[in-house]
Amino acid sequence: MGIGNLYSKKSNILSEMTDFERELVNAFNRFFREEEIKGIAHRKKQHRFSSQLCDVLVDSPHDMFYMAIENKSVKITSTNKLYFSQHFSTSDDGHQIARISDFLDRSGRQGYLAVELKRGRGRSRKAYMVPWSFIRDSYESDEKGVHLDELDQFPEIMRSSDDYSIAEICQKMEI
């Protein structure tokens, strides 16, 4: 099994790391390299029968880059909301939002939800970096999910051709 693979307990199959996760890891590492900032983004290899805390970890001696990022990709032609019951998992250890929130509290990392909107054929994808506190507050307020129209209030992860770039968000210190 290659490093980009992960095991899905729900489907009992092996699947590749998503393109969005890979692109986000590459965007952070490219930014660190180009700006000569100490830091690395990585995806922990998923092992069978173990739950994954989040999709992307970013490690750096700089506090603003010590983070955990959960990634979600949604087709806006299929839904208008990112539902907590449908788009997040539940396991014996509880709901995914509660598990990630606990991890963030215990690790001291900043948390984010990176949401990629697949807008249909011929239309470019858009992605947003949502502070985890917004997701957590919505979940703990018994909301059913986050309406996709709400995402444009958060920093957009810019895209040029096939690559995402986090440089603009980072330079504005928005994350």
Protein backbone atom coordinates (compact mmCIF):
# COMPACT_ATOMS: atom_id res chain seq x y z
CA MET A 1 0.00 0.00 0.00
CA GLY A 2 1.49 3.36 -1.04
CA ILE A 3 1.78 6.37 1.23
CA GLY A 4 -1.13 8.07 -0.56
CA ASN A 5 -3.54 5.29 0.29
CA LEU A 6 -5.94 5.13 3.18
CA TYR A 7 -8.23 2.49 4.55
CA SER A 8 -11.94 3.18 4.78
CA LYS A 9 -13.59 1.18 7.58
CA LYS A 10 -17.04 1.96 6.22
CA SER A 11 -16.43 0.49 2.80
CA ASN A 12 -13.64 -1.98 3.68
CA ILE A 13 -11.68 -0.89 0.61
CA LEU A 14 -8.45 0.95 0.06
CA SER A 15 -8.69 4.30 -1.68
CA GLU A 16 -6.27 7.01 -2.76
CA MET A 17 -5.69 10.20 -0.82
CA THR A 18 -8.02 12.71 -2.46
CA ASP A 19 -6.66 15.16 -4.99
CA PHE A 20 -7.82 18.03 -2.79
CA GLU A 21 -5.83 16.74 0.20
CA ARG A 22 -2.73 16.26 -1.95
CA GLU A 23 -3.13 19.70 -3.54
CA LEU A 24 -3.50 21.37 -0.13
CA VAL A 25 -0.40 19.61 1.24
CA ASN A 26 1.52 20.67 -1.88
CA ALA A 27 0.26 24.27 -1.56
CA PHE A 28 1.50 24.57 2.02
CA ASN A 29 4.86 22.98 1.27
CA ARG A 30 5.34 25.14 -1.83
CA PHE A 31 4.54 28.25 0.25
CA PHE A 32 7.01 27.25 2.98
CA ARG A 33 9.74 26.58 0.41
CA GLU A 34 9.16 29.78 -1.60
CA GLU A 35 8.91 32.00 1.50
CA GLU A 36 11.77 30.17 3.26
CA ILE A 37 9.59 29.46 6.29
CA LYS A 38 10.26 26.47 8.53
CA GLY A 39 7.27 24.21 8.23
CA ILE A 40 5.91 21.08 6.63
CA ALA A 41 2.45 19.89 5.71
CA HIS A 42 1.84 16.19 5.59
CA ARG A 43 -0.81 13.55 5.54
CA LYS A 44 -0.38 10.81 8.08
CA LYS A 45 -0.52 7.37 6.60
CA GLN A 46 -3.79 5.70 7.51
CA HIS A 47 -3.57 2.23 9.03
CA ARG A 48 -6.29 -0.38 9.00
CA PHE A 49 -8.68 -0.31 11.94
CA SER A 50 -7.37 2.98 13.30
CA SER A 51 -9.32 6.18 13.16
CA GLN A 52 -7.73 9.16 11.50
CA LEU A 53 -7.88 12.41 13.46
CA CYS A 54 -7.80 14.74 10.48
CA ASP A 55 -6.69 14.83 6.86
CA VAL A 56 -3.72 17.24 6.88
CA LEU A 57 -1.30 18.19 9.63
CA VAL A 58 0.91 21.25 9.36
CA ASP A 59 3.90 21.47 11.66
CA SER A 60 6.01 24.56 12.17
CA PRO A 61 7.77 26.42 14.97
CA HIS A 62 5.52 29.37 14.00
CA ASP A 63 2.26 29.20 15.96
CA MET A 64 0.12 30.31 13.03
CA PHE A 65 1.29 27.26 11.06
CA TYR A 66 0.76 24.67 13.78
CA MET A 67 -2.56 23.31 12.53
CA ALA A 68 -4.82 20.43 11.70
CA ILE A 69 -7.06 20.57 8.65
CA GLU A 70 -10.04 18.40 7.80
CA ASN A 71 -10.88 18.37 4.09
CA LYS A 72 -14.29 17.99 2.49
CA SER A 73 -15.18 18.09 -1.19
CA VAL A 74 -18.81 18.56 -2.16
CA LYS A 75 -20.66 18.77 -5.45
CA ILE A 76 -22.86 21.84 -5.34
CA THR A 77 -25.14 20.22 -7.90
CA SER A 78 -25.92 17.49 -5.33
CA THR A 79 -26.35 19.52 -2.14
CA ASN A 80 -26.59 23.06 -0.85
CA LYS A 81 -25.35 22.20 2.62
CA LEU A 82 -22.44 20.43 4.26
CA TYR A 83 -24.42 18.15 6.58
CA PHE A 84 -22.96 17.03 9.88
CA SER A 85 -24.75 13.68 9.62
CA GLN A 86 -23.88 12.95 5.99
CA HIS A 87 -20.48 14.49 5.32
CA PHE A 88 -18.84 13.67 8.67
CA SER A 89 -18.33 10.21 10.14
CA THR A 90 -19.45 8.65 13.39
CA SER A 91 -17.54 5.84 15.08
CA ASP A 92 -17.39 4.11 18.45
CA ASP A 93 -15.31 7.11 19.58
CA GLY A 94 -18.10 9.57 18.72
CA HIS A 95 -18.87 12.06 15.98
CA GLN A 96 -15.97 13.24 13.79
CA ILE A 97 -16.47 16.88 14.79
CA ALA A 98 -16.24 15.99 18.50
CA ARG A 99 -13.15 13.81 17.90
CA ILE A 100 -11.34 16.52 15.94
CA SER A 101 -12.34 19.18 18.48
CA ASP A 102 -10.89 17.04 21.28
CA PHE A 103 -7.67 16.55 19.30
CA LEU A 104 -7.35 20.31 18.73
CA ASP A 105 -7.97 21.06 22.42
CA ARG A 106 -5.40 18.51 23.55
CA SER A 107 -2.73 19.28 20.92
CA GLY A 108 -2.97 23.07 20.91
CA ARG A 109 -3.21 23.12 17.11
CA GLN A 110 -5.29 25.60 15.20
CA GLY A 111 -8.07 23.83 13.39
CA TYR A 112 -9.60 24.42 9.98
CA LEU A 113 -12.06 22.81 7.66
CA ALA A 114 -10.96 23.18 4.05
CA VAL A 115 -14.04 22.86 1.85
CA GLU A 116 -13.74 22.35 -1.89
CA LEU A 117 -16.83 23.13 -3.94
CA LYS A 118 -17.08 21.15 -7.14
CA ARG A 119 -19.24 23.41 -9.28
CA GLY A 120 -19.93 21.14 -12.21
CA ARG A 121 -18.50 20.48 -15.61
CA GLY A 122 -16.73 23.41 -17.20
CA ARG A 123 -16.71 25.47 -14.00
CA SER A 124 -13.60 25.77 -11.86
CA ARG A 125 -13.57 24.48 -8.31
CA LYS A 126 -13.50 26.87 -5.37
CA ALA A 127 -12.19 26.18 -1.90
CA TYR A 128 -12.49 27.94 1.43
CA MET A 129 -10.58 27.74 4.72
CA VAL A 130 -13.14 27.72 7.54
CA PRO A 131 -11.97 28.13 11.14
CA TRP A 132 -12.80 24.98 13.11
CA SER A 133 -14.42 27.12 15.82
CA PHE A 134 -17.21 27.99 13.35
CA ILE A 135 -17.81 24.31 12.56
CA ARG A 136 -17.67 23.33 16.22
CA ASP A 137 -20.05 26.12 17.29
CA SER A 138 -22.53 25.21 14.54
CA TYR A 139 -22.41 21.53 15.51
CA GLU A 140 -22.75 22.21 19.24
CA SER A 141 -25.70 24.54 18.51
CA ASP A 142 -27.52 21.54 17.02
CA GLU A 143 -27.40 22.94 13.51
CA LYS A 144 -27.91 20.31 10.80
CA GLY A 145 -24.90 21.57 8.88
CA VAL A 146 -23.36 24.59 7.18
CA HIS A 147 -25.05 26.12 4.15
CA LEU A 148 -22.59 26.35 1.26
CA ASP A 149 -23.54 30.00 0.72
CA GLU A 150 -22.03 30.76 4.14
CA LEU A 151 -18.57 29.70 3.03
CA ASP A 152 -17.83 32.85 1.04
CA GLN A 153 -17.43 34.78 4.31
CA PHE A 154 -14.21 32.83 4.90
CA PRO A 155 -10.83 33.11 3.15
CA GLU A 156 -10.80 31.56 -0.31
CA ILE A 157 -7.95 29.22 -1.16
CA MET A 158 -6.95 30.65 -4.52
CA ARG A 159 -6.54 28.41 -7.51
CA SER A 160 -4.46 28.97 -10.64
CA SER A 161 -4.74 26.37 -13.40
CA ASP A 162 -4.58 23.06 -11.53
CA ASP A 163 -2.88 24.19 -8.32
CA TYR A 164 -4.22 25.70 -5.12
CA SER A 165 -2.18 28.43 -3.45
CA ILE A 166 -2.33 29.44 0.17
CA ALA A 167 0.17 32.30 -0.24
CA GLU A 168 -2.45 35.05 -0.36
CA ILE A 169 -4.23 33.81 2.77
CA CYS A 170 -0.95 33.40 4.67
CA GLN A 171 0.49 36.74 3.61
CA LYS A 172 -2.63 38.50 4.85
CA MET A 173 -2.25 36.48 8.07
CA GLU A 174 -5.82 35.29 7.65
CA ILE A 175 -4.93 31.84 8.88
